[in-house]
Amino acid sequence: MTPYEKFKSQVYKKTGIDLSLYKERQMKRRIESMIKRNGKKNFDEYYDLINTDLDKFNEFINYLTINVSEFFRNANQWEILKSTVLPQLMEGRSTLKVWSAACSTGEEPYTIVMVLSNFLPLSKIKIQAYDIDDEAINKAKAGVYSEKSIANVPEEFKKKYFTKVGNSYKISDEIKRCVEFKKFNLLSDKYPSGYDLIVCRNVMIYFTEEAKDEMYHNFNGALREGGVLFVGSTEQIILPAKYKFKSSKTFFYEKYK
């Protein structure tokens, strides 16, 4: 067993995170940079550190899960969601069941709430937002963001739902109340079901083809018939029919029988 294989095995036993499902070169390089950053010589020494120091363990999980996000990322895709996808999903429905499947620090689910507010009162909006990283979820619950993070937020929403606090911006409690956060491992936990819309963007690129294959099947099972999966701008599904999806718009995949 190589030192990296041993490290993966130890991490899996400790966290339930299977590093074998991530692209190896990419993930190994990220962990090696953490080893150097912490002044350790090898995987064994670094595992001893994260196994005995909670702060270093949390730092590892946070770094591992690649929390890079912003509001209305790829704004034109959110416009398609608003102008085309949501009106279709809303036909004959008074509300929608929505899952932000890798919510990171909260920008994505809060963006979904703002887009949905064009169709529904906030009292009728409830987004389930899941992520594997406790620290990211805590940041999401706090709802405090940098100016750069909110740069793409439409002016009307900035004025209505954000308050400046020092150099940062705090999102309003009425938006926060629309989102329920939960820890979740997309690679191993049982997927919930019955969703009209699942948003999972800019996460799949880090996984192996085998892991993605299983996740696409799981996402299909989590959607109702006619429900839609919304993916990131570098994550088009090459053969959507293999997973019983059809491409309704670029980056939007509709479940069919």
C-alpha atoms as a PDB file:
ATOM      1  CA  MET A   1       0.000   0.000   0.000  1.00  0.00           C
ATOM      2  CA  THR A   2       1.430   3.388  -0.980  1.00  0.00           C
ATOM      3  CA  PRO A   3       1.598   6.206   1.611  1.00  0.00           C
ATOM      4  CA  TYR A   4      -1.250   7.989  -0.199  1.00  0.00           C
ATOM      5  CA  GLU A   5      -3.400   4.823  -0.297  1.00  0.00           C
ATOM      6  CA  LYS A   6      -2.846   4.419   3.442  1.00  0.00           C
ATOM      7  CA  PHE A   7      -3.779   8.079   4.016  1.00  0.00           C
ATOM      8  CA  LYS A   8      -6.994   7.661   1.980  1.00  0.00           C
ATOM      9  CA  SER A   9      -7.905   4.595   4.032  1.00  0.00           C
ATOM     10  CA  GLN A  10      -7.310   6.443   7.318  1.00  0.00           C
ATOM     11  CA  VAL A  11      -9.361   9.450   6.184  1.00  0.00           C
ATOM     12  CA  TYR A  12     -12.206   7.179   5.105  1.00  0.00           C
ATOM     13  CA  LYS A  13     -12.299   5.441   8.500  1.00  0.00           C
ATOM     14  CA  LYS A  14     -12.237   8.767  10.334  1.00  0.00           C
ATOM     15  CA  THR A  15     -14.644  10.799   8.189  1.00  0.00           C
ATOM     16  CA  GLY A  16     -16.515   8.529   5.769  1.00  0.00           C
ATOM     17  CA  ILE A  17     -15.076  10.623   2.908  1.00  0.00           C
ATOM     18  CA  ASP A  18     -13.748   8.343   0.163  1.00  0.00           C
ATOM     19  CA  LEU A  19     -10.881  10.201  -1.507  1.00  0.00           C
ATOM     20  CA  SER A  20     -10.742   7.473  -4.180  1.00  0.00           C
ATOM     21  CA  LEU A  21     -13.866   9.019  -5.702  1.00  0.00           C
ATOM     22  CA  TYR A  22     -12.050  12.309  -6.346  1.00  0.00           C
ATOM     23  CA  LYS A  23      -9.715  12.811  -9.316  1.00  0.00           C
ATOM     24  CA  GLU A  24      -6.422  11.509  -7.913  1.00  0.00           C
ATOM     25  CA  ARG A  25      -3.869  13.903  -9.379  1.00  0.00           C
ATOM     26  CA  GLN A  26      -5.913  16.925  -8.398  1.00  0.00           C
ATOM     27  CA  MET A  27      -6.689  15.728  -4.876  1.00  0.00           C
ATOM     28  CA  LYS A  28      -3.213  14.384  -4.133  1.00  0.00           C
ATOM     29  CA  ARG A  29      -1.684  17.697  -5.199  1.00  0.00           C
ATOM     30  CA  ARG A  30      -4.047  19.606  -2.904  1.00  0.00           C
ATOM     31  CA  ILE A  31      -3.192  17.422   0.091  1.00  0.00           C
ATOM     32  CA  GLU A  32       0.554  17.607  -0.606  1.00  0.00           C
ATOM     33  CA  SER A  33       0.287  21.403  -0.504  1.00  0.00           C
ATOM     34  CA  MET A  34      -1.421  21.101   2.914  1.00  0.00           C
ATOM     35  CA  ILE A  35       1.412  18.847   4.128  1.00  0.00           C
ATOM     36  CA  LYS A  36       3.972  21.506   3.135  1.00  0.00           C
ATOM     37  CA  ARG A  37       1.900  24.359   4.536  1.00  0.00           C
ATOM     38  CA  ASN A  38       1.811  22.645   7.928  1.00  0.00           C
ATOM     39  CA  GLY A  39       5.537  21.850   7.960  1.00  0.00           C
ATOM     40  CA  LYS A  40       5.065  18.084   7.766  1.00  0.00           C
ATOM     41  CA  LYS A  41       7.240  15.681   5.760  1.00  0.00           C
ATOM     42  CA  ASN A  42       4.742  13.100   4.521  1.00  0.00           C
ATOM     43  CA  PHE A  43       1.184  11.722   4.595  1.00  0.00           C
ATOM     44  CA  ASP A  44       1.765   9.831   7.876  1.00  0.00           C
ATOM     45  CA  GLU A  45       2.905  12.937   9.737  1.00  0.00           C
ATOM     46  CA  TYR A  46       0.044  14.980   8.313  1.00  0.00           C
ATOM     47  CA  TYR A  47      -2.551  12.366   9.251  1.00  0.00           C
ATOM     48  CA  ASP A  48      -1.201  12.317  12.835  1.00  0.00           C
ATOM     49  CA  LEU A  49      -1.674  16.103  12.904  1.00  0.00           C
ATOM     50  CA  ILE A  50      -5.285  16.133  11.674  1.00  0.00           C
ATOM     51  CA  ASN A  51      -6.121  13.156  13.886  1.00  0.00           C
ATOM     52  CA  THR A  52      -5.022  14.945  17.067  1.00  0.00           C
ATOM     53  CA  ASP A  53      -5.689  18.643  16.372  1.00  0.00           C
ATOM     54  CA  LEU A  54      -9.359  19.547  15.793  1.00  0.00           C
ATOM     55  CA  ASP A  55      -8.547  22.937  14.248  1.00  0.00           C
ATOM     56  CA  LYS A  56      -6.182  21.299  11.755  1.00  0.00           C
ATOM     57  CA  PHE A  57      -8.771  18.610  11.026  1.00  0.00           C
ATOM     58  CA  ASN A  58     -11.416  21.274  10.279  1.00  0.00           C
ATOM     59  CA  GLU A  59      -8.892  23.149   8.123  1.00  0.00           C
ATOM     60  CA  PHE A  60      -8.270  19.932   6.154  1.00  0.00           C
ATOM     61  CA  ILE A  61     -11.990  19.284   5.570  1.00  0.00           C
ATOM     62  CA  ASN A  62     -12.547  22.902   4.566  1.00  0.00           C
ATOM     63  CA  TYR A  63      -9.642  22.818   2.090  1.00  0.00           C
ATOM     64  CA  LEU A  64     -10.654  19.411   0.785  1.00  0.00           C
ATOM     65  CA  THR A  65     -14.170  20.485  -0.099  1.00  0.00           C
ATOM     66  CA  ILE A  66     -13.106  23.470  -2.216  1.00  0.00           C
ATOM     67  CA  ASN A  67     -15.485  26.170  -1.023  1.00  0.00           C
ATOM     68  CA  VAL A  68     -15.407  28.759  -3.799  1.00  0.00           C
ATOM     69  CA  SER A  69     -18.732  30.439  -4.383  1.00  0.00           C
ATOM     70  CA  GLU A  70     -20.493  33.698  -5.152  1.00  0.00           C
ATOM     71  CA  PHE A  71     -24.051  34.925  -5.589  1.00  0.00           C
ATOM     72  CA  PHE A  72     -25.579  34.590  -9.080  1.00  0.00           C
ATOM     73  CA  ARG A  73     -22.451  32.829 -10.402  1.00  0.00           C
ATOM     74  CA  ASN A  74     -22.755  32.664 -14.227  1.00  0.00           C
ATOM     75  CA  ALA A  75     -25.635  35.148 -14.146  1.00  0.00           C
ATOM     76  CA  ASN A  76     -26.994  34.237 -17.600  1.00  0.00           C
ATOM     77  CA  GLN A  77     -27.772  30.701 -16.358  1.00  0.00           C
ATOM     78  CA  TRP A  78     -29.783  32.078 -13.447  1.00  0.00           C
ATOM     79  CA  GLU A  79     -31.667  34.216 -15.970  1.00  0.00           C
ATOM     80  CA  ILE A  80     -32.576  31.051 -17.926  1.00  0.00           C
ATOM     81  CA  LEU A  81     -33.743  29.456 -14.672  1.00  0.00           C
ATOM     82  CA  LYS A  82     -35.950  32.494 -13.992  1.00  0.00           C
ATOM     83  CA  SER A  83     -37.304  33.062 -17.498  1.00  0.00           C
ATOM     84  CA  THR A  84     -37.775  29.498 -18.763  1.00  0.00           C
ATOM     85  CA  VAL A  85     -37.189  26.664 -16.289  1.00  0.00           C
ATOM     86  CA  LEU A  86     -39.066  27.914 -13.223  1.00  0.00           C
ATOM     87  CA  PRO A  87     -42.239  28.971 -15.102  1.00  0.00           C
ATOM     88  CA  GLN A  88     -42.450  25.418 -16.509  1.00  0.00           C
ATOM     89  CA  LEU A  89     -41.842  23.827 -13.094  1.00  0.00           C
ATOM     90  CA  MET A  90     -44.396  26.122 -11.471  1.00  0.00           C
ATOM     91  CA  GLU A  91     -47.239  25.122 -13.825  1.00  0.00           C
ATOM     92  CA  GLY A  92     -50.104  23.865 -11.678  1.00  0.00           C
ATOM     93  CA  ARG A  93     -48.069  24.163  -8.438  1.00  0.00           C
ATOM     94  CA  SER A  94     -48.293  26.569  -5.535  1.00  0.00           C
ATOM     95  CA  THR A  95     -44.738  25.895  -4.341  1.00  0.00           C
ATOM     96  CA  LEU A  96     -41.604  23.942  -5.330  1.00  0.00           C
ATOM     97  CA  LYS A  97     -39.454  21.403  -3.517  1.00  0.00           C
ATOM     98  CA  VAL A  98     -35.828  22.474  -4.102  1.00  0.00           C
ATOM     99  CA  TRP A  99     -32.471  21.018  -3.058  1.00  0.00           C
ATOM    100  CA  SER A 100     -29.132  22.844  -3.189  1.00  0.00           C
ATOM    101  CA  ALA A 101     -27.040  19.680  -3.124  1.00  0.00           C
ATOM    102  CA  ALA A 102     -23.567  21.133  -2.434  1.00  0.00           C
ATOM    103  CA  CYS A 103     -24.363  24.490  -0.921  1.00  0.00           C
ATOM    104  CA  SER A 104     -20.878  25.494   0.250  1.00  0.00           C
ATOM    105  CA  THR A 105     -21.036  28.794   2.190  1.00  0.00           C
ATOM    106  CA  GLY A 106     -24.638  29.570   1.267  1.00  0.00           C
ATOM    107  CA  GLU A 107     -24.425  31.800  -1.798  1.00  0.00           C
ATOM    108  CA  GLU A 108     -26.183  29.257  -4.016  1.00  0.00           C
ATOM    109  CA  PRO A 109     -29.267  28.480  -1.880  1.00  0.00           C
ATOM    110  CA  TYR A 110     -29.715  32.163  -1.010  1.00  0.00           C
ATOM    111  CA  THR A 111     -29.529  32.973  -4.740  1.00  0.00           C
ATOM    112  CA  ILE A 112     -32.223  30.347  -5.377  1.00  0.00           C
ATOM    113  CA  VAL A 113     -34.463  32.016  -2.782  1.00  0.00           C
ATOM    114  CA  MET A 114     -34.049  35.412  -4.439  1.00  0.00           C
ATOM    115  CA  VAL A 115     -34.834  34.011  -7.887  1.00  0.00           C
ATOM    116  CA  LEU A 116     -37.868  32.137  -6.551  1.00  0.00           C
ATOM    117  CA  SER A 117     -39.099  35.327  -4.866  1.00  0.00           C
ATOM    118  CA  ASN A 118     -40.085  36.477  -8.374  1.00  0.00           C
ATOM    119  CA  PHE A 119     -42.746  33.741  -8.317  1.00  0.00           C
ATOM    120  CA  LEU A 120     -43.598  33.100  -4.671  1.00  0.00           C
ATOM    121  CA  PRO A 121     -43.821  34.978  -1.371  1.00  0.00           C
ATOM    122  CA  LEU A 122     -40.853  34.196   0.907  1.00  0.00           C
ATOM    123  CA  SER A 123     -43.234  32.491   3.338  1.00  0.00           C
ATOM    124  CA  LYS A 124     -43.795  29.756   0.722  1.00  0.00           C
ATOM    125  CA  ILE A 125     -40.111  29.185  -0.112  1.00  0.00           C
ATOM    126  CA  LYS A 126     -38.111  26.483   1.666  1.00  0.00           C
ATOM    127  CA  ILE A 127     -34.779  25.344   0.223  1.00  0.00           C
ATOM    128  CA  GLN A 128     -32.908  22.331   1.564  1.00  0.00           C
ATOM    129  CA  ALA A 129     -29.195  23.078   1.409  1.00  0.00           C
ATOM    130  CA  TYR A 130     -26.662  20.324   2.098  1.00  0.00           C
ATOM    131  CA  ASP A 131     -22.864  20.236   2.311  1.00  0.00           C
ATOM    132  CA  ILE A 132     -20.194  17.927   3.706  1.00  0.00           C
ATOM    133  CA  ASP A 133     -18.266  20.729   5.445  1.00  0.00           C
ATOM    134  CA  ASP A 134     -19.407  21.883   8.905  1.00  0.00           C
ATOM    135  CA  GLU A 135     -17.383  25.088   8.687  1.00  0.00           C
ATOM    136  CA  ALA A 136     -18.960  26.023   5.341  1.00  0.00           C
ATOM    137  CA  ILE A 137     -22.433  25.371   6.762  1.00  0.00           C
ATOM    138  CA  ASN A 138     -21.666  27.580   9.780  1.00  0.00           C
ATOM    139  CA  LYS A 139     -20.554  30.399   7.450  1.00  0.00           C
ATOM    140  CA  ALA A 140     -23.731  29.927   5.428  1.00  0.00           C
ATOM    141  CA  LYS A 141     -25.879  30.175   8.552  1.00  0.00           C
ATOM    142  CA  ALA A 142     -24.046  33.362   9.606  1.00  0.00           C
ATOM    143  CA  GLY A 143     -24.806  34.858   6.176  1.00  0.00           C
ATOM    144  CA  VAL A 144     -22.000  37.444   6.082  1.00  0.00           C
ATOM    145  CA  TYR A 145     -20.298  37.975   2.710  1.00  0.00           C
ATOM    146  CA  SER A 146     -17.605  40.064   1.025  1.00  0.00           C
ATOM    147  CA  GLU A 147     -18.313  42.781  -1.514  1.00  0.00           C
ATOM    148  CA  LYS A 148     -16.789  40.559  -4.216  1.00  0.00           C
ATOM    149  CA  SER A 149     -19.139  37.711  -3.314  1.00  0.00           C
ATOM    150  CA  ILE A 150     -22.263  39.844  -3.843  1.00  0.00           C
ATOM    151  CA  ALA A 151     -20.983  41.668  -6.967  1.00  0.00           C
ATOM    152  CA  ASN A 152     -23.476  39.914  -9.298  1.00  0.00           C
ATOM    153  CA  VAL A 153     -26.528  40.371  -7.061  1.00  0.00           C
ATOM    154  CA  PRO A 154     -29.133  42.552  -8.843  1.00  0.00           C
ATOM    155  CA  GLU A 155     -29.310  46.017  -7.302  1.00  0.00           C
ATOM    156  CA  GLU A 156     -32.923  45.598  -6.169  1.00  0.00           C
ATOM    157  CA  PHE A 157     -31.975  42.506  -4.132  1.00  0.00           C
ATOM    158  CA  LYS A 158     -28.851  44.166  -2.698  1.00  0.00           C
ATOM    159  CA  LYS A 159     -30.944  47.032  -1.379  1.00  0.00           C
ATOM    160  CA  LYS A 160     -33.752  44.804  -0.141  1.00  0.00           C
ATOM    161  CA  TYR A 161     -31.894  41.875   1.396  1.00  0.00           C
ATOM    162  CA  PHE A 162     -28.364  42.968   2.397  1.00  0.00           C
ATOM    163  CA  THR A 163     -27.081  45.229   5.153  1.00  0.00           C
ATOM    164  CA  LYS A 164     -23.538  46.594   5.128  1.00  0.00           C
ATOM    165  CA  VAL A 165     -21.564  45.670   8.243  1.00  0.00           C
ATOM    166  CA  GLY A 166     -18.071  47.175   8.110  1.00  0.00           C
ATOM    167  CA  ASN A 167     -16.551  45.948   4.834  1.00  0.00           C
ATOM    168  CA  SER A 168     -18.960  42.998   4.634  1.00  0.00           C
ATOM    169  CA  TYR A 169     -22.621  42.436   3.788  1.00  0.00           C
ATOM    170  CA  LYS A 170     -25.096  40.530   5.949  1.00  0.00           C
ATOM    171  CA  ILE A 171     -28.027  38.806   4.297  1.00  0.00           C
ATOM    172  CA  SER A 172     -31.448  39.411   5.839  1.00  0.00           C
ATOM    173  CA  ASP A 173     -33.065  37.012   8.280  1.00  0.00           C
ATOM    174  CA  GLU A 174     -36.147  36.750   6.048  1.00  0.00           C
ATOM    175  CA  ILE A 175     -33.982  35.161   3.319  1.00  0.00           C
ATOM    176  CA  LYS A 176     -32.114  32.988   5.848  1.00  0.00           C
ATOM    177  CA  ARG A 177     -35.391  31.614   7.196  1.00  0.00           C
ATOM    178  CA  CYS A 178     -36.118  30.148   3.741  1.00  0.00           C
ATOM    179  CA  VAL A 179     -33.094  27.824   3.858  1.00  0.00           C
ATOM    180  CA  GLU A 180     -32.581  24.696   5.946  1.00  0.00           C
ATOM    181  CA  PHE A 181     -28.911  23.619   6.151  1.00  0.00           C
ATOM    182  CA  LYS A 182     -27.736  20.075   6.814  1.00  0.00           C
ATOM    183  CA  LYS A 183     -24.503  18.076   6.675  1.00  0.00           C
ATOM    184  CA  PHE A 184     -24.519  15.552   3.835  1.00  0.00           C
ATOM    185  CA  ASN A 185     -22.058  13.405   1.870  1.00  0.00           C
ATOM    186  CA  LEU A 186     -23.075  13.175  -1.793  1.00  0.00           C
ATOM    187  CA  LEU A 187     -20.785  10.184  -2.261  1.00  0.00           C
ATOM    188  CA  SER A 188     -22.182   7.956   0.468  1.00  0.00           C
ATOM    189  CA  ASP A 189     -25.419   9.222   2.071  1.00  0.00           C
ATOM    190  CA  LYS A 190     -28.899   8.140   0.951  1.00  0.00           C
ATOM    191  CA  TYR A 191     -30.397  10.795  -1.320  1.00  0.00           C
ATOM    192  CA  PRO A 192     -33.760  12.351  -0.392  1.00  0.00           C
ATOM    193  CA  SER A 193     -36.512  12.316  -3.030  1.00  0.00           C
ATOM    194  CA  GLY A 194     -39.479  14.097  -4.583  1.00  0.00           C
ATOM    195  CA  TYR A 195     -37.698  17.252  -5.742  1.00  0.00           C
ATOM    196  CA  ASP A 196     -38.884  19.607  -8.474  1.00  0.00           C
ATOM    197  CA  LEU A 197     -35.441  21.185  -8.819  1.00  0.00           C
ATOM    198  CA  ILE A 198     -31.956  20.056  -7.753  1.00  0.00           C
ATOM    199  CA  VAL A 199     -29.081  22.521  -8.065  1.00  0.00           C
ATOM    200  CA  CYS A 200     -25.586  20.983  -7.977  1.00  0.00           C
ATOM    201  CA  ARG A 201     -23.041  23.279  -9.599  1.00  0.00           C
ATOM    202  CA  ASN A 202     -19.240  23.367  -9.815  1.00  0.00           C
ATOM    203  CA  VAL A 203     -18.753  20.252  -7.700  1.00  0.00           C
ATOM    204  CA  MET A 204     -18.903  17.323 -10.125  1.00  0.00           C
ATOM    205  CA  ILE A 205     -15.686  18.426 -11.852  1.00  0.00           C
ATOM    206  CA  TYR A 206     -13.681  17.182  -8.850  1.00  0.00           C
ATOM    207  CA  PHE A 207     -15.006  13.600  -8.987  1.00  0.00           C
ATOM    208  CA  THR A 208     -14.021  10.550 -10.995  1.00  0.00           C
ATOM    209  CA  GLU A 209     -16.214   9.410 -13.897  1.00  0.00           C
ATOM    210  CA  GLU A 210     -17.371   6.414 -11.806  1.00  0.00           C
ATOM    211  CA  ALA A 211     -18.442   8.679  -8.943  1.00  0.00           C
ATOM    212  CA  LYS A 212     -20.244  11.062 -11.310  1.00  0.00           C
ATOM    213  CA  ASP A 213     -22.023   8.137 -12.954  1.00  0.00           C
ATOM    214  CA  GLU A 214     -23.476   7.031  -9.623  1.00  0.00           C
ATOM    215  CA  MET A 215     -24.367  10.586  -8.601  1.00  0.00           C
ATOM    216  CA  TYR A 216     -26.283  11.277 -11.829  1.00  0.00           C
ATOM    217  CA  HIS A 217     -28.331   8.116 -11.252  1.00  0.00           C
ATOM    218  CA  ASN A 218     -28.938   9.224  -7.651  1.00  0.00           C
ATOM    219  CA  PHE A 219     -29.979  12.729  -8.716  1.00  0.00           C
ATOM    220  CA  ASN A 220     -32.433  11.244 -11.193  1.00  0.00           C
ATOM    221  CA  GLY A 221     -33.929   9.130  -8.409  1.00  0.00           C
ATOM    222  CA  ALA A 222     -34.222  12.215  -6.188  1.00  0.00           C
ATOM    223  CA  LEU A 223     -36.297  14.134  -8.764  1.00  0.00           C
ATOM    224  CA  ARG A 224     -39.988  13.788  -9.548  1.00  0.00           C
ATOM    225  CA  GLU A 225     -40.873  13.045 -13.163  1.00  0.00           C
ATOM    226  CA  GLY A 226     -40.403  16.294 -15.080  1.00  0.00           C
ATOM    227  CA  GLY A 227     -38.077  17.623 -12.351  1.00  0.00           C
ATOM    228  CA  VAL A 228     -34.879  19.421 -13.359  1.00  0.00           C
ATOM    229  CA  LEU A 229     -31.179  19.070 -12.458  1.00  0.00           C
ATOM    230  CA  PHE A 230     -29.223  22.347 -12.812  1.00  0.00           C
ATOM    231  CA  VAL A 231     -25.428  21.840 -13.158  1.00  0.00           C
ATOM    232  CA  GLY A 232     -22.374  24.104 -13.431  1.00  0.00           C
ATOM    233  CA  SER A 233     -20.928  25.780 -16.511  1.00  0.00           C
ATOM    234  CA  THR A 234     -18.190  23.151 -16.993  1.00  0.00           C
ATOM    235  CA  GLU A 235     -20.339  20.147 -16.108  1.00  0.00           C
ATOM    236  CA  GLN A 236     -22.499  19.296 -19.104  1.00  0.00           C
ATOM    237  CA  ILE A 237     -23.693  15.675 -19.036  1.00  0.00           C
ATOM    238  CA  ILE A 238     -22.330  14.036 -22.183  1.00  0.00           C
ATOM    239  CA  LEU A 239     -24.945  11.262 -22.515  1.00  0.00           C
ATOM    240  CA  PRO A 240     -27.941  12.455 -20.476  1.00  0.00           C
ATOM    241  CA  ALA A 241     -30.230   9.687 -21.801  1.00  0.00           C
ATOM    242  CA  LYS A 242     -28.031   7.146 -20.001  1.00  0.00           C
ATOM    243  CA  TYR A 243     -29.380   8.608 -16.739  1.00  0.00           C
ATOM    244  CA  LYS A 244     -32.958   9.147 -18.019  1.00  0.00           C
ATOM    245  CA  PHE A 245     -32.403  12.878 -18.471  1.00  0.00           C
ATOM    246  CA  LYS A 246     -33.023  15.058 -21.484  1.00  0.00           C
ATOM    247  CA  SER A 247     -31.307  18.407 -21.973  1.00  0.00           C
ATOM    248  CA  SER A 248     -34.022  21.049 -21.800  1.00  0.00           C
ATOM    249  CA  LYS A 249     -31.592  23.996 -21.892  1.00  0.00           C
ATOM    250  CA  THR A 250     -27.803  24.036 -21.644  1.00  0.00           C
ATOM    251  CA  PHE A 251     -26.897  23.022 -18.051  1.00  0.00           C
ATOM    252  CA  PHE A 252     -30.512  22.035 -17.295  1.00  0.00           C
ATOM    253  CA  TYR A 253     -31.557  18.371 -17.446  1.00  0.00           C
ATOM    254  CA  GLU A 254     -35.152  17.193 -17.172  1.00  0.00           C
ATOM    255  CA  LYS A 255     -36.050  13.768 -15.776  1.00  0.00           C
ATOM    256  CA  TYR A 256     -38.228  11.578 -17.989  1.00  0.00           C
ATOM    257  CA  LYS A 257     -39.649   8.046 -17.670  1.00  0.00           C
END
